[in-house]
Amino acid sequence: MYFYARDYANAEPMIRLYNSKYPDEPTSIFWMARITEATKDKDYKTGAAKDYYNQWIGKINEDPAKKKIF
């Protein structure tokens, strides 16, 4: 996976493609948060990924069964 190879330039479009194919899955939102942290908020000081994490929490709260996956 591009993320683990620290190839964030290729990871982001792949995650966006995944999200467009599976918009109801919270996984893509979680990975966008991780990419945003890695590229824009390495020290976790600006909260750049906060919106993605809030969206992700909202998605997993829609279906309690999805919480067990994480």
N, C-alpha and C. Protein backbone atom coordinates (compact mmCIF):
# COMPACT_ATOMS: atom_id res chain seq x y z
N MET A 1 0.84 -1.18 0.00
CA MET A 1 0.00 0.00 0.00
C MET A 1 0.89 1.24 0.00
N TYR A 2 0.46 2.21 -0.76
CA TYR A 2 1.24 3.44 -0.90
C TYR A 2 1.48 4.13 0.44
N PHE A 3 0.49 4.09 1.31
CA PHE A 3 0.64 4.78 2.59
C PHE A 3 1.84 4.24 3.37
N TYR A 4 1.96 2.94 3.46
CA TYR A 4 3.05 2.34 4.22
C TYR A 4 4.42 2.55 3.57
N ALA A 5 4.40 2.81 2.28
CA ALA A 5 5.64 3.12 1.57
C ALA A 5 5.94 4.62 1.63
N ARG A 6 5.09 5.35 2.32
CA ARG A 6 5.20 6.81 2.46
C ARG A 6 5.12 7.51 1.11
N ASP A 7 4.39 6.91 0.19
CA ASP A 7 4.14 7.51 -1.11
C ASP A 7 2.75 8.15 -1.06
N TYR A 8 2.66 9.24 -0.32
CA TYR A 8 1.37 9.88 -0.06
C TYR A 8 0.77 10.50 -1.31
N ALA A 9 1.61 10.91 -2.25
CA ALA A 9 1.11 11.50 -3.50
C ALA A 9 0.27 10.49 -4.28
N ASN A 10 0.61 9.22 -4.21
CA ASN A 10 -0.18 8.19 -4.88
C ASN A 10 -1.24 7.59 -3.97
N ALA A 11 -1.03 7.67 -2.69
CA ALA A 11 -2.00 7.09 -1.75
C ALA A 11 -3.31 7.87 -1.77
N GLU A 12 -3.23 9.18 -1.78
CA GLU A 12 -4.45 9.99 -1.72
C GLU A 12 -5.40 9.73 -2.89
N PRO A 13 -4.93 9.74 -4.15
CA PRO A 13 -5.87 9.45 -5.24
C PRO A 13 -6.48 8.05 -5.16
N MET A 14 -5.71 7.09 -4.68
CA MET A 14 -6.24 5.73 -4.55
C MET A 14 -7.34 5.67 -3.49
N ILE A 15 -7.14 6.37 -2.40
CA ILE A 15 -8.16 6.40 -1.34
C ILE A 15 -9.40 7.13 -1.83
N ARG A 16 -9.21 8.21 -2.57
CA ARG A 16 -10.36 8.94 -3.13
C ARG A 16 -11.14 8.06 -4.12
N LEU A 17 -10.44 7.27 -4.91
CA LEU A 17 -11.09 6.35 -5.83
C LEU A 17 -11.89 5.30 -5.06
N TYR A 18 -11.30 4.75 -4.03
CA TYR A 18 -11.99 3.78 -3.17
C TYR A 18 -13.25 4.40 -2.59
N ASN A 19 -13.15 5.64 -2.12
CA ASN A 19 -14.30 6.33 -1.54
C ASN A 19 -15.40 6.55 -2.57
N SER A 20 -15.02 6.84 -3.81
CA SER A 20 -16.04 7.05 -4.84
C SER A 20 -16.76 5.74 -5.19
N LYS A 21 -16.06 4.63 -5.10
CA LYS A 21 -16.68 3.34 -5.39
C LYS A 21 -17.50 2.81 -4.21
N TYR A 22 -17.04 3.09 -3.01
CA TYR A 22 -17.70 2.57 -1.81
C TYR A 22 -17.95 3.71 -0.82
N PRO A 23 -18.87 4.61 -1.13
CA PRO A 23 -19.07 5.80 -0.29
C PRO A 23 -19.63 5.51 1.11
N ASP A 24 -20.22 4.35 1.30
CA ASP A 24 -20.79 4.03 2.61
C ASP A 24 -19.78 3.39 3.55
N GLU A 25 -18.60 3.09 3.06
CA GLU A 25 -17.57 2.47 3.89
C GLU A 25 -16.74 3.54 4.61
N PRO A 26 -16.54 3.41 5.90
CA PRO A 26 -15.78 4.41 6.65
C PRO A 26 -14.26 4.29 6.46
N THR A 27 -13.80 3.21 5.88
CA THR A 27 -12.37 2.96 5.77
C THR A 27 -11.63 4.05 5.02
N SER A 28 -12.20 4.52 3.92
CA SER A 28 -11.51 5.54 3.12
C SER A 28 -11.36 6.85 3.88
N ILE A 29 -12.34 7.18 4.68
CA ILE A 29 -12.26 8.42 5.47
C ILE A 29 -11.16 8.30 6.51
N PHE A 30 -11.06 7.14 7.12
CA PHE A 30 -10.00 6.91 8.11
C PHE A 30 -8.62 7.08 7.46
N TRP A 31 -8.44 6.49 6.27
CA TRP A 31 -7.14 6.58 5.61
C TRP A 31 -6.84 7.99 5.11
N MET A 32 -7.86 8.74 4.74
CA MET A 32 -7.63 10.15 4.36
C MET A 32 -7.14 10.93 5.58
N ALA A 33 -7.68 10.61 6.74
CA ALA A 33 -7.21 11.25 7.97
C ALA A 33 -5.74 10.92 8.21
N ARG A 34 -5.38 9.67 8.03
CA ARG A 34 -3.98 9.26 8.23
C ARG A 34 -3.04 9.96 7.24
N ILE A 35 -3.46 10.07 5.98
CA ILE A 35 -2.64 10.75 4.97
C ILE A 35 -2.51 12.22 5.31
N THR A 36 -3.60 12.83 5.73
CA THR A 36 -3.57 14.25 6.10
C THR A 36 -2.62 14.48 7.26
N GLU A 37 -2.66 13.61 8.25
CA GLU A 37 -1.73 13.73 9.37
C GLU A 37 -0.28 13.63 8.90
N ALA A 38 -0.03 12.68 8.04
CA ALA A 38 1.34 12.43 7.58
C ALA A 38 1.89 13.55 6.71
N THR A 39 1.02 14.24 6.00
CA THR A 39 1.49 15.26 5.07
C THR A 39 1.33 16.69 5.59
N LYS A 40 0.31 16.93 6.41
CA LYS A 40 0.02 18.31 6.81
C LYS A 40 0.13 18.58 8.30
N ASP A 41 0.21 17.54 9.09
CA ASP A 41 0.21 17.73 10.54
C ASP A 41 1.06 16.66 11.22
N LYS A 42 2.32 16.61 10.86
CA LYS A 42 3.21 15.56 11.35
C LYS A 42 3.37 15.57 12.87
N ASP A 43 3.25 16.74 13.47
CA ASP A 43 3.40 16.85 14.92
C ASP A 43 2.07 16.85 15.67
N TYR A 44 0.98 16.66 14.95
CA TYR A 44 -0.36 16.63 15.54
C TYR A 44 -0.70 17.91 16.29
N LYS A 45 -0.28 19.03 15.76
CA LYS A 45 -0.53 20.30 16.45
C LYS A 45 -1.62 21.14 15.81
N THR A 46 -1.86 20.98 14.52
CA THR A 46 -2.82 21.85 13.84
C THR A 46 -4.22 21.26 13.76
N GLY A 47 -4.35 19.96 13.96
CA GLY A 47 -5.65 19.32 13.85
C GLY A 47 -6.16 19.24 12.42
N ALA A 48 -5.25 19.14 11.48
CA ALA A 48 -5.62 19.13 10.06
C ALA A 48 -6.53 17.96 9.70
N ALA A 49 -6.42 16.86 10.40
CA ALA A 49 -7.22 15.68 10.07
C ALA A 49 -8.51 15.59 10.89
N LYS A 50 -8.77 16.57 11.71
CA LYS A 50 -9.92 16.54 12.61
C LYS A 50 -11.23 16.31 11.86
N ASP A 51 -11.44 17.02 10.74
CA ASP A 51 -12.69 16.86 9.99
C ASP A 51 -12.86 15.44 9.47
N TYR A 52 -11.76 14.85 8.99
CA TYR A 52 -11.84 13.47 8.50
C TYR A 52 -12.19 12.52 9.64
N TYR A 53 -11.57 12.70 10.79
CA TYR A 53 -11.88 11.82 11.92
C TYR A 53 -13.33 12.00 12.39
N ASN A 54 -13.82 13.22 12.38
CA ASN A 54 -15.22 13.44 12.75
C ASN A 54 -16.17 12.76 11.76
N GLN A 55 -15.84 12.84 10.47
CA GLN A 55 -16.65 12.15 9.46
C GLN A 55 -16.60 10.64 9.69
N TRP A 56 -15.41 10.14 9.97
CA TRP A 56 -15.24 8.70 10.19
C TRP A 56 -16.06 8.22 11.38
N ILE A 57 -15.99 8.95 12.49
CA ILE A 57 -16.76 8.60 13.68
C ILE A 57 -18.25 8.62 13.37
N GLY A 58 -18.69 9.62 12.60
CA GLY A 58 -20.09 9.68 12.20
C GLY A 58 -20.50 8.46 11.39
N LYS A 59 -19.64 8.01 10.50
CA LYS A 59 -19.95 6.84 9.67
C LYS A 59 -20.02 5.56 10.51
N ILE A 60 -19.07 5.37 11.41
CA ILE A 60 -19.10 4.12 12.18
C ILE A 60 -20.22 4.14 13.22
N ASN A 61 -20.67 5.32 13.62
CA ASN A 61 -21.79 5.40 14.56
C ASN A 61 -23.13 5.13 13.87
N GLU A 62 -23.18 5.26 12.54
CA GLU A 62 -24.41 4.97 11.81
C GLU A 62 -24.78 3.49 11.93
N ASP A 63 -23.78 2.63 11.92
CA ASP A 63 -23.99 1.18 11.96
C ASP A 63 -23.10 0.59 13.06
N PRO A 64 -23.66 0.29 14.21
CA PRO A 64 -22.84 -0.22 15.32
C PRO A 64 -22.05 -1.48 14.98
N ALA A 65 -22.49 -2.27 14.02
CA ALA A 65 -21.76 -3.48 13.64
C ALA A 65 -20.40 -3.13 13.05
N LYS A 66 -20.27 -1.96 12.43
CA LYS A 66 -19.00 -1.56 11.85
C LYS A 66 -17.97 -1.22 12.92
N LYS A 67 -18.42 -0.85 14.11
CA LYS A 67 -17.49 -0.55 15.19
C LYS A 67 -16.65 -1.77 15.56
N LYS A 68 -17.22 -2.95 15.44
CA LYS A 68 -16.50 -4.16 15.81
C LYS A 68 -15.33 -4.43 14.89
N ILE A 69 -15.38 -3.90 13.68
CA ILE A 69 -14.30 -4.08 12.73
C ILE A 69 -13.07 -3.31 13.20
N PHE A 70 -13.28 -2.17 13.80
CA PHE A 70 -12.18 -1.32 14.22
C PHE A 70 -11.89 -1.60 15.64
